[in-house]
């Protein structure tokens, strides 16, 4: 093994250690995150920081979440192998790639055409055939494909969006950052029951806001 390969192997080992130390303990989630290399999802100046546990800027004024937050959000969904998942906020595509290792089918939507196009190219390169990327206003979900077993929102809303709650199956789980500003947000897990919705507050987070409408490039 070359020095460069040694270095990458060492960084990946530290990456997984960081995930565990932040509370990502689900074996399936850790395996998925070990399998999906974060490197291809980060371009340009920041590509050498792909294995650090930090958020990084991507195109269209968006960010790729820090891996430990990706892991904790994925873990909170309690994904089962036959699940159909909606992700709102494709971004780099990294989170959808993780979800694709755990579920039967992943639909991921983003308001920015460029992000969907670039993520689609990576999904093709990695042969992730169970992801369907869509350019759409994610705040309205994907009614044509509903209901979903799991919904993951990677942008912060003031409240869990009504259209998304309506597209969740009975027994389904949605994980969404909720907060009125970018300084006070909490990750919420919503479980749909026969009687309504149960809410669990998980941890403080910081996400870009959930914005209605399509991006200027769409």
Protein backbone atom coordinates (compact mmCIF):
# COMPACT_ATOMS: atom_id res chain seq x y z
CA UNK A 1 0.00 0.00 0.00
CA UNK A 2 1.38 3.45 -0.94
CA UNK A 3 1.79 6.32 1.53
CA UNK A 4 -1.21 8.06 -0.02
CA UNK A 5 -3.37 4.94 0.38
CA UNK A 6 -2.11 4.58 3.96
CA UNK A 7 -3.10 8.18 4.64
CA UNK A 8 -6.61 7.72 3.25
CA UNK A 9 -7.09 4.47 5.20
CA UNK A 10 -5.97 6.23 8.38
CA UNK A 11 -8.32 9.18 7.75
CA UNK A 12 -11.25 6.83 7.11
CA UNK A 13 -10.52 5.00 10.37
CA UNK A 14 -10.49 8.34 12.24
CA UNK A 15 -13.71 9.27 10.41
CA UNK A 16 -15.52 6.19 11.74
CA UNK A 17 -14.09 6.74 15.23
CA UNK A 18 -15.44 10.32 15.17
CA UNK A 19 -18.89 9.04 14.20
CA UNK A 20 -18.96 6.57 17.10
CA UNK A 21 -17.70 9.16 19.57
CA UNK A 22 -20.56 11.50 18.59
CA UNK A 23 -23.19 8.81 19.23
CA UNK A 24 -23.59 7.04 15.88
CA UNK A 25 -23.75 3.46 17.15
CA UNK A 26 -26.17 1.68 14.79
CA UNK A 27 -24.15 -1.02 13.02
CA UNK A 28 -26.07 -0.73 9.71
CA UNK A 29 -25.62 3.04 9.63
CA UNK A 30 -21.89 2.78 10.38
CA UNK A 31 -21.48 0.14 7.66
CA UNK A 32 -23.29 2.37 5.14
CA UNK A 33 -21.12 5.34 6.05
CA UNK A 34 -17.98 3.24 5.76
CA UNK A 35 -19.09 2.04 2.33
CA UNK A 36 -20.04 5.45 0.86
CA UNK A 37 -16.94 7.57 0.36
CA UNK A 38 -17.66 11.24 1.18
CA UNK A 39 -14.82 12.31 -1.14
CA UNK A 40 -16.69 12.36 -4.50
CA UNK A 41 -19.42 14.59 -3.03
CA UNK A 42 -17.00 17.44 -2.23
CA UNK A 43 -15.30 19.39 -4.97
CA UNK A 44 -12.61 22.02 -5.29
CA UNK A 45 -10.78 23.60 -2.38
CA UNK A 46 -12.44 21.55 0.33
CA UNK A 47 -12.03 18.08 -1.20
CA UNK A 48 -9.04 17.27 1.03
CA UNK A 49 -11.22 17.83 4.11
CA UNK A 50 -13.78 15.19 3.09
CA UNK A 51 -12.95 12.92 6.04
CA UNK A 52 -13.18 15.60 8.71
CA UNK A 53 -16.30 15.79 10.86
CA UNK A 54 -17.33 19.24 9.72
CA UNK A 55 -19.90 20.84 7.40
CA UNK A 56 -18.45 22.16 4.13
CA UNK A 57 -19.76 24.61 1.51
CA UNK A 58 -21.08 23.30 -1.81
CA UNK A 59 -22.64 25.01 -4.84
CA UNK A 60 -25.78 27.20 -4.77
CA UNK A 61 -24.98 28.58 -1.31
CA UNK A 62 -25.69 25.22 0.34
CA UNK A 63 -23.62 22.98 2.62
CA UNK A 64 -22.83 19.31 3.01
CA UNK A 65 -23.65 18.40 6.62
CA UNK A 66 -20.98 17.15 8.97
CA UNK A 67 -20.84 13.35 8.86
CA UNK A 68 -21.79 12.86 12.52
CA UNK A 69 -25.03 14.80 11.93
CA UNK A 70 -25.72 12.73 8.80
CA UNK A 71 -25.17 9.61 10.87
CA UNK A 72 -27.37 10.74 13.77
CA UNK A 73 -30.21 11.79 11.43
CA UNK A 74 -30.00 8.49 9.56
CA UNK A 75 -29.94 6.54 12.82
CA UNK A 76 -32.99 8.47 14.10
CA UNK A 77 -35.02 7.33 11.07
CA UNK A 78 -34.79 3.64 12.14
CA UNK A 79 -34.75 2.58 8.48
CA UNK A 80 -35.89 -0.90 7.51
CA UNK A 81 -34.69 -2.63 4.32
CA UNK A 82 -38.07 -2.46 2.53
CA UNK A 83 -38.63 1.24 3.27
CA UNK A 84 -39.39 3.89 0.67
CA UNK A 85 -37.78 7.18 1.69
CA UNK A 86 -38.26 10.81 0.69
CA UNK A 87 -35.31 13.13 1.26
CA UNK A 88 -36.01 16.86 1.03
CA UNK A 89 -32.81 18.72 0.15
CA UNK A 90 -30.50 16.66 -2.08
CA UNK A 91 -27.58 19.04 -1.68
CA UNK A 92 -24.37 17.18 -2.53
CA UNK A 93 -26.19 13.83 -2.68
CA UNK A 94 -24.14 12.36 0.17
CA UNK A 95 -27.08 11.81 2.52
CA UNK A 96 -29.16 10.14 -0.23
CA UNK A 97 -26.25 7.82 -0.99
CA UNK A 98 -26.14 6.75 2.67
CA UNK A 99 -29.92 6.19 2.67
CA UNK A 100 -29.65 4.11 -0.51
CA UNK A 101 -27.56 1.52 1.37
CA UNK A 102 -30.29 1.02 3.96
CA UNK A 103 -33.63 1.26 2.12
CA UNK A 104 -35.35 -0.19 -0.93
CA UNK A 105 -35.97 3.12 -2.71
CA UNK A 106 -34.91 6.75 -2.12
CA UNK A 107 -36.57 9.77 -3.72
CA UNK A 108 -34.53 12.93 -3.22
CA UNK A 109 -35.73 16.41 -4.18
CA UNK A 110 -33.96 19.76 -4.40
CA UNK A 111 -35.00 23.18 -5.66
CA UNK A 112 -31.61 23.69 -7.38
CA UNK A 113 -31.31 22.01 -10.78
CA UNK A 114 -27.51 22.18 -10.66
CA UNK A 115 -27.32 20.24 -7.39
CA UNK A 116 -29.69 17.54 -8.66
CA UNK A 117 -27.70 17.24 -11.90
CA UNK A 118 -24.34 16.96 -10.13
CA UNK A 119 -25.66 14.51 -7.54
CA UNK A 120 -27.26 12.39 -10.29
CA UNK A 121 -23.88 12.10 -12.02
CA UNK A 122 -22.26 10.84 -8.80
CA UNK A 123 -25.10 8.35 -8.20
CA UNK A 124 -24.52 7.00 -11.73
CA UNK A 125 -20.75 6.78 -11.19
CA UNK A 126 -21.30 4.85 -7.95
CA UNK A 127 -24.01 2.66 -9.54
CA UNK A 128 -26.61 3.69 -6.94
CA UNK A 129 -29.62 2.63 -8.96
CA UNK A 130 -32.25 2.86 -6.21
CA UNK A 131 -32.11 6.69 -5.95
CA UNK A 132 -34.51 8.89 -7.94
CA UNK A 133 -33.38 12.55 -7.92
CA UNK A 134 -36.05 15.17 -8.72
CA UNK A 135 -35.95 18.95 -9.21
CA UNK A 136 -38.92 20.16 -7.18
CA UNK A 137 -40.07 22.40 -4.32
CA UNK A 138 -39.36 19.99 -1.48
CA UNK A 139 -41.64 21.78 0.98
CA UNK A 140 -44.55 20.15 -0.87
CA UNK A 141 -42.94 16.71 -0.94
CA UNK A 142 -43.69 14.33 -3.80
CA UNK A 143 -47.46 13.65 -3.73
CA UNK A 144 -47.25 11.37 -6.79
CA UNK A 145 -44.97 8.93 -4.91
CA UNK A 146 -46.58 9.20 -1.46
CA UNK A 147 -47.04 7.74 1.06
CA UNK A 148 -43.49 7.26 2.38
CA UNK A 149 -42.20 5.03 5.17
CA UNK A 150 -39.57 7.59 6.11
CA UNK A 151 -39.03 11.28 5.33
CA UNK A 152 -35.78 13.14 6.00
CA UNK A 153 -35.63 16.93 5.72
CA UNK A 154 -32.14 18.45 5.50
CA UNK A 155 -33.21 22.09 5.81
CA UNK A 156 -34.81 23.83 8.78
CA UNK A 157 -38.51 24.71 8.89
CA UNK A 158 -40.38 26.74 11.54
CA UNK A 159 -42.65 23.72 12.01
CA UNK A 160 -42.74 20.25 10.41
CA UNK A 161 -44.31 21.04 6.99
CA UNK A 162 -47.97 19.93 6.73
CA UNK A 163 -47.69 18.51 3.19
CA UNK A 164 -44.80 16.28 4.33
CA UNK A 165 -46.65 15.08 7.43
CA UNK A 166 -49.58 14.17 5.18
CA UNK A 167 -47.28 12.05 2.97
CA UNK A 168 -46.04 9.93 5.88
CA UNK A 169 -47.49 6.43 6.28
CA UNK A 170 -49.14 5.39 9.53
CA UNK A 171 -46.19 4.10 11.56
CA UNK A 172 -43.82 6.19 9.44
CA UNK A 173 -41.06 8.43 10.78
CA UNK A 174 -39.93 11.90 9.71
CA UNK A 175 -36.75 13.58 10.94
CA UNK A 176 -36.63 17.35 10.45
CA UNK A 177 -34.67 20.31 11.87
CA UNK A 178 -37.11 22.83 13.36
CA UNK A 179 -36.39 26.41 14.41
CA UNK A 180 -37.15 30.02 13.54
CA UNK A 181 -33.55 31.11 13.09
CA UNK A 182 -30.23 29.56 12.16
CA UNK A 183 -29.04 29.91 15.77
CA UNK A 184 -31.80 27.99 17.57
CA UNK A 185 -32.79 24.76 15.83
CA UNK A 186 -33.57 21.30 17.11
CA UNK A 187 -33.72 18.00 15.31
CA UNK A 188 -37.20 16.55 15.74
CA UNK A 189 -38.40 13.00 15.11
CA UNK A 190 -42.07 12.77 14.17
CA UNK A 191 -43.83 9.39 14.28
CA UNK A 192 -47.24 9.10 12.65
CA UNK A 193 -49.75 7.03 14.64
CA UNK A 194 -53.41 6.11 14.17
CA UNK A 195 -54.25 8.97 16.54
CA UNK A 196 -51.95 11.65 15.06
CA UNK A 197 -48.29 12.52 15.48
CA UNK A 198 -45.77 11.94 18.27
CA UNK A 199 -42.80 14.31 18.54
CA UNK A 200 -39.35 13.65 20.04
CA UNK A 201 -36.69 16.34 20.35
CA UNK A 202 -33.29 14.82 19.57
CA UNK A 203 -30.44 17.36 19.52
CA UNK A 204 -29.54 20.96 18.68
CA UNK A 205 -28.45 21.48 15.03
CA UNK A 206 -27.83 24.22 12.45
CA UNK A 207 -29.18 23.90 8.92
CA UNK A 208 -29.91 26.22 6.02
CA UNK A 209 -33.58 27.25 5.94
CA UNK A 210 -36.22 25.30 4.01
CA UNK A 211 -37.16 27.69 1.17
CA UNK A 212 -40.29 27.42 -0.96
CA UNK A 213 -40.11 27.67 -4.75
CA UNK A 214 -37.44 26.56 -7.23
CA UNK A 215 -33.91 27.93 -7.36
CA UNK A 216 -32.98 30.51 -10.01
CA UNK A 217 -31.13 27.82 -11.96
CA UNK A 218 -34.24 25.60 -12.26
